[in-house]
Amino acid sequence: MTVKAITEYYNSFLSVLDFVVGRTSESLAEILTKALPLVAPIPNAVSIYFVSQTALKYNTVQAVAVAASVECMFFALTEVVLKSWDMWRNSKKTIVPLAISVAAFVVYFFLVMALVYTLEVSSGNSLAPLAFPVVSVVAAVALGVTRWHKRIETTEMESATVAQLVAELDATKAKHNRTVAQLEKQVTQLEAQHEVENAQPVAETKVTPVQRRETMLQWLRNGVDIKTQQVAEEFGVSATLIRRELAELRNSMQLQAQSGD
């Protein structure tokens, strides 16, 4: 086995190892990011559970309900605060809902702190239980901010999709307008060509000079009132030509009449 082959195998091994370690670390970080905010409130919930049983003499069901309510309320209030912030950030109309939700969150936090202090710390225990509500708040805020960030990304993606669809619709509309304009132009050209084609037979069937003179001669014999301009337009010739031919026809008729006498 050559040195080049060994180097290639070693580089391939390092590439696979780098992929496995990197993918595992990324997946683990993603899992921990999602799981830790849900796990972090457990110590405070357990502490409240046992305090509810020992200090408040609650049964198991009551203690579980109290512990679950305390922790779930942190998550709920965090979600309300972030949604109120979204509403105020987008509309800028009123800050009252945001102020109320923040005030409710702060009041509830100090209420839980007072409850823990009264039931655990004041009885001679250490101050350690006071850290549990803080951990719960941090976990609730972390989970809420994660969800808030995801909502923003989703909204931006939807806005980008809508903008793309609008742009595609505008492009399609512009293309449609261009097509309609081209069709209208073609129709206009076809109509003009049709008019020309219809006019051509008239020009092609125009009477010959001999036929024209015979027709005018017949009119003169019948005593028709001949209007020069009208006759010129009818035969498609100049009025000067019609006058000259009429004069020639009248002279010819006079000569024929004189010779007949």
Protein backbone atom coordinates (compact mmCIF):
# COMPACT_ATOMS: atom_id res chain seq x y z
CA MET A 1 0.00 0.00 0.00
CA THR A 2 1.48 3.30 -1.05
CA VAL A 3 1.73 6.46 0.98
CA LYS A 4 -0.84 8.15 -1.26
CA ALA A 5 -3.42 5.42 -0.62
CA ILE A 6 -2.83 5.60 3.15
CA THR A 7 -3.28 9.38 3.04
CA GLU A 8 -6.55 9.08 1.12
CA TYR A 9 -7.95 6.49 3.56
CA TYR A 10 -6.91 8.61 6.53
CA ASN A 11 -8.51 11.75 5.07
CA SER A 12 -11.71 9.82 4.35
CA PHE A 13 -11.76 8.55 7.94
CA LEU A 14 -11.31 12.07 9.29
CA SER A 15 -14.09 13.37 7.04
CA VAL A 16 -16.51 10.71 8.28
CA LEU A 17 -15.50 11.34 11.89
CA ASP A 18 -15.92 15.09 11.45
CA PHE A 19 -19.39 14.57 9.94
CA VAL A 20 -20.50 12.22 12.75
CA VAL A 21 -19.23 14.46 15.54
CA GLY A 22 -20.57 17.64 13.95
CA ARG A 23 -23.98 16.18 13.17
CA THR A 24 -24.25 14.64 16.65
CA SER A 25 -23.28 17.88 18.38
CA GLU A 26 -25.75 19.89 16.32
CA SER A 27 -28.56 17.42 16.95
CA LEU A 28 -27.74 17.21 20.65
CA ALA A 29 -27.65 20.99 20.95
CA GLU A 30 -31.03 21.20 19.20
CA ILE A 31 -32.51 18.55 21.49
CA LEU A 32 -31.14 20.21 24.64
CA THR A 33 -32.35 23.62 23.50
CA LYS A 34 -35.87 22.27 23.20
CA ALA A 35 -35.79 19.93 26.21
CA LEU A 36 -34.04 21.99 28.90
CA PRO A 37 -36.76 24.68 29.17
CA LEU A 38 -39.20 21.86 29.91
CA VAL A 39 -36.90 20.07 32.38
CA ALA A 40 -35.63 23.13 34.25
CA PRO A 41 -38.92 23.86 36.10
CA ILE A 42 -39.05 20.33 37.58
CA PRO A 43 -37.06 21.20 40.76
CA ASN A 44 -39.42 24.06 41.60
CA ALA A 45 -42.45 21.90 40.83
CA VAL A 46 -41.16 19.10 43.08
CA SER A 47 -40.37 21.60 45.82
CA ILE A 48 -43.85 23.11 45.69
CA TYR A 49 -45.34 19.62 45.60
CA PHE A 50 -43.69 18.56 48.84
CA VAL A 51 -44.27 21.93 50.55
CA SER A 52 -47.96 21.72 49.65
CA GLN A 53 -48.15 18.33 51.36
CA THR A 54 -46.09 19.19 54.46
CA ALA A 55 -46.94 22.82 55.14
CA LEU A 56 -50.41 23.09 53.63
CA LYS A 57 -51.46 19.50 54.40
CA TYR A 58 -52.66 18.94 50.81
CA ASN A 59 -53.21 15.45 49.51
CA THR A 60 -51.35 14.10 46.47
CA VAL A 61 -53.86 15.31 43.90
CA GLN A 62 -53.99 18.81 45.37
CA ALA A 63 -50.21 19.03 45.61
CA VAL A 64 -49.77 17.94 42.00
CA ALA A 65 -52.38 20.47 40.87
CA VAL A 66 -50.67 23.30 42.74
CA ALA A 67 -47.20 22.43 41.44
CA ALA A 68 -48.43 22.03 37.85
CA SER A 69 -50.45 25.26 37.98
CA VAL A 70 -47.53 27.29 39.28
CA GLU A 71 -45.17 26.11 36.53
CA CYS A 72 -47.71 26.23 33.68
CA MET A 73 -48.66 29.78 34.64
CA PHE A 74 -45.06 30.90 34.09
CA PHE A 75 -45.13 29.52 30.54
CA ALA A 76 -48.59 30.95 29.86
CA LEU A 77 -47.72 34.45 31.07
CA THR A 78 -44.47 34.43 29.09
CA GLU A 79 -46.41 33.55 25.94
CA VAL A 80 -48.93 36.33 26.64
CA VAL A 81 -46.15 38.90 27.16
CA LEU A 82 -44.43 37.97 23.89
CA LYS A 83 -47.69 38.02 21.92
CA SER A 84 -48.57 41.41 23.41
CA TRP A 85 -45.12 42.63 22.43
CA ASP A 86 -45.71 41.38 18.87
CA MET A 87 -49.05 43.17 18.72
CA TRP A 88 -47.57 46.45 19.96
CA ARG A 89 -44.51 46.16 17.69
CA ASN A 90 -46.67 45.64 14.60
CA SER A 91 -49.43 48.15 15.29
CA LYS A 92 -47.80 50.80 17.55
CA LYS A 93 -51.31 51.85 18.52
CA THR A 94 -51.48 51.08 22.23
CA ILE A 95 -49.08 49.66 24.78
CA VAL A 96 -51.75 48.88 27.36
CA PRO A 97 -52.01 45.09 26.67
CA LEU A 98 -48.23 44.77 26.84
CA ALA A 99 -48.04 46.75 30.09
CA ILE A 100 -50.81 44.68 31.65
CA SER A 101 -49.24 41.35 30.67
CA VAL A 102 -45.78 42.42 31.94
CA ALA A 103 -47.31 43.63 35.20
CA ALA A 104 -49.18 40.33 35.61
CA PHE A 105 -45.98 38.38 35.00
CA VAL A 106 -44.01 40.42 37.55
CA VAL A 107 -46.75 40.22 40.18
CA TYR A 108 -47.07 36.48 39.70
CA PHE A 109 -43.32 35.97 39.95
CA PHE A 110 -43.10 37.84 43.27
CA LEU A 111 -46.18 36.01 44.49
CA VAL A 112 -44.47 32.65 43.88
CA MET A 113 -41.27 33.94 45.49
CA ALA A 114 -43.27 35.02 48.55
CA LEU A 115 -44.99 31.65 48.68
CA VAL A 116 -41.69 29.76 48.55
CA TYR A 117 -40.14 32.05 51.14
CA THR A 118 -43.09 31.74 53.51
CA LEU A 119 -43.44 27.98 53.25
CA GLU A 120 -39.78 26.96 53.04
CA VAL A 121 -37.24 29.64 53.90
CA SER A 122 -39.04 31.18 56.87
CA SER A 123 -39.28 27.80 58.56
CA GLY A 124 -35.52 27.66 58.96
CA ASN A 125 -34.46 26.15 55.65
CA SER A 126 -31.76 27.59 53.40
CA LEU A 127 -32.33 30.23 50.74
CA ALA A 128 -31.73 27.66 48.00
CA PRO A 129 -35.47 27.10 47.28
CA LEU A 130 -35.74 30.77 46.22
CA ALA A 131 -33.58 29.96 43.21
CA PHE A 132 -36.08 27.43 41.90
CA PRO A 133 -38.73 29.99 40.80
CA VAL A 134 -35.99 32.01 39.10
CA VAL A 135 -34.94 28.92 37.16
CA SER A 136 -38.57 28.34 36.19
CA VAL A 137 -38.88 31.92 34.92
CA VAL A 138 -35.68 31.62 32.90
CA ALA A 139 -36.91 28.34 31.39
CA ALA A 140 -40.29 29.84 30.54
CA VAL A 141 -38.67 32.89 28.94
CA ALA A 142 -36.24 30.70 26.97
CA LEU A 143 -39.05 28.52 25.63
CA GLY A 144 -41.24 31.52 24.88
CA VAL A 145 -38.46 33.38 23.03
CA THR A 146 -37.70 30.24 21.00
CA ARG A 147 -41.33 29.95 19.97
CA TRP A 148 -41.49 33.70 19.30
CA HIS A 149 -38.42 33.54 17.06
CA LYS A 150 -39.92 30.61 15.17
CA ARG A 151 -43.17 32.55 14.65
CA ILE A 152 -41.21 35.50 13.26
CA GLU A 153 -39.34 33.24 10.85
CA THR A 154 -42.61 31.65 9.75
CA THR A 155 -44.20 35.07 9.23
CA GLU A 156 -41.22 36.31 7.23
CA MET A 157 -41.28 33.19 5.06
CA GLU A 158 -45.01 33.62 4.46
CA SER A 159 -44.49 37.30 3.62
CA ALA A 160 -41.70 36.39 1.21
CA THR A 161 -43.92 33.75 -0.37
CA VAL A 162 -46.78 36.23 -0.75
CA ALA A 163 -44.41 38.82 -2.24
CA GLN A 164 -43.12 36.23 -4.69
CA LEU A 165 -46.65 35.24 -5.67
CA VAL A 166 -47.58 38.90 -6.17
CA ALA A 167 -44.50 39.44 -8.33
CA GLU A 168 -45.32 36.35 -10.38
CA LEU A 169 -48.92 37.55 -10.72
CA ASP A 170 -47.75 40.99 -11.87
CA ALA A 171 -45.37 39.38 -14.37
CA THR A 172 -48.17 37.15 -15.66
CA LYS A 173 -50.50 40.13 -15.92
CA ALA A 174 -47.88 42.15 -17.82
CA LYS A 175 -47.28 39.23 -20.16
CA HIS A 176 -51.02 38.90 -20.67
CA ASN A 177 -51.30 42.61 -21.47
CA ARG A 178 -48.45 42.34 -23.98
CA THR A 179 -50.12 39.33 -25.60
CA VAL A 180 -53.44 41.18 -25.81
CA ALA A 181 -51.71 44.20 -27.36
CA GLN A 182 -50.01 41.99 -29.93
CA LEU A 183 -53.30 40.28 -30.75
CA GLU A 184 -55.06 43.62 -31.12
CA LYS A 185 -52.28 44.79 -33.43
CA GLN A 186 -52.59 41.63 -35.51
CA VAL A 187 -56.37 42.06 -35.69
CA THR A 188 -55.93 45.65 -36.84
CA GLN A 189 -53.47 44.55 -39.51
CA LEU A 190 -55.80 41.77 -40.67
CA GLU A 191 -58.72 44.17 -40.86
CA ALA A 192 -56.66 46.62 -42.88
CA GLN A 193 -55.51 43.83 -45.18
CA HIS A 194 -59.09 42.63 -45.54
CA GLU A 195 -60.20 46.12 -46.54
CA VAL A 196 -57.42 46.31 -49.12
CA GLU A 197 -58.32 42.90 -50.51
CA ASN A 198 -61.98 43.90 -50.73
CA ALA A 199 -61.06 47.11 -52.48
CA GLN A 200 -58.86 45.40 -55.05
CA PRO A 201 -61.70 43.74 -57.05
CA VAL A 202 -63.29 47.15 -57.55
CA ALA A 203 -60.09 48.43 -59.04
CA GLU A 204 -59.69 45.30 -61.09
CA THR A 205 -63.28 45.51 -62.48
CA LYS A 206 -62.96 49.18 -63.43
CA VAL A 207 -64.53 49.84 -66.83
CA THR A 208 -62.33 50.34 -69.85
CA PRO A 209 -62.15 53.69 -71.65
CA VAL A 210 -64.28 52.32 -74.51
CA GLN A 211 -66.95 51.09 -72.06
CA ARG A 212 -66.83 54.42 -70.24
CA ARG A 213 -67.32 56.41 -73.47
CA GLU A 214 -70.17 54.13 -74.58
CA THR A 215 -71.88 54.55 -71.21
CA MET A 216 -71.59 58.34 -71.31
CA LEU A 217 -72.77 58.36 -74.93
CA GLN A 218 -75.85 56.43 -73.92
CA TRP A 219 -76.49 58.93 -71.15
CA LEU A 220 -76.22 61.82 -73.58
CA ARG A 221 -78.64 60.19 -75.98
CA ASN A 222 -81.09 59.57 -73.15
CA GLY A 223 -80.83 63.16 -71.98
CA VAL A 224 -79.33 62.32 -68.60
CA ASP A 225 -78.05 65.28 -66.59
CA ILE A 226 -74.39 64.35 -66.32
CA LYS A 227 -72.44 65.81 -63.38
CA THR A 228 -68.78 65.78 -64.27
CA GLN A 229 -67.33 65.34 -60.77
CA GLN A 230 -69.76 62.59 -59.85
CA VAL A 231 -69.08 60.67 -63.08
CA ALA A 232 -65.31 61.07 -62.59
CA GLU A 233 -65.55 59.58 -59.09
CA GLU A 234 -67.76 56.75 -60.33
CA PHE A 235 -65.31 55.73 -63.07
CA GLY A 236 -62.22 56.47 -61.00
CA VAL A 237 -60.73 59.02 -63.39
CA SER A 238 -60.11 62.75 -63.33
CA ALA A 239 -62.85 65.30 -63.93
CA THR A 240 -60.74 66.87 -66.70
CA LEU A 241 -60.77 63.61 -68.64
CA ILE A 242 -64.55 63.32 -68.27
CA ARG A 243 -65.05 66.90 -69.54
CA ARG A 244 -62.87 66.26 -72.55
CA GLU A 245 -64.58 62.99 -73.41
CA LEU A 246 -68.03 64.53 -72.94
CA ALA A 247 -67.07 67.37 -75.28
CA GLU A 248 -65.81 64.90 -77.85
CA LEU A 249 -68.98 62.81 -77.55
CA ARG A 250 -71.24 65.89 -77.96
CA ASN A 251 -69.26 67.01 -81.04
CA SER A 252 -69.54 63.51 -82.46
CA MET A 253 -73.28 63.50 -81.88
CA GLN A 254 -73.62 66.91 -83.55
CA LEU A 255 -71.65 65.75 -86.58
CA GLN A 256 -73.78 62.66 -86.87
CA ALA A 257 -76.93 64.78 -86.62
CA GLN A 258 -75.69 67.18 -89.33
CA SER A 259 -74.71 64.36 -91.66
CA GLY A 260 -78.10 62.77 -91.14
CA ASP A 261 -79.84 65.99 -92.14
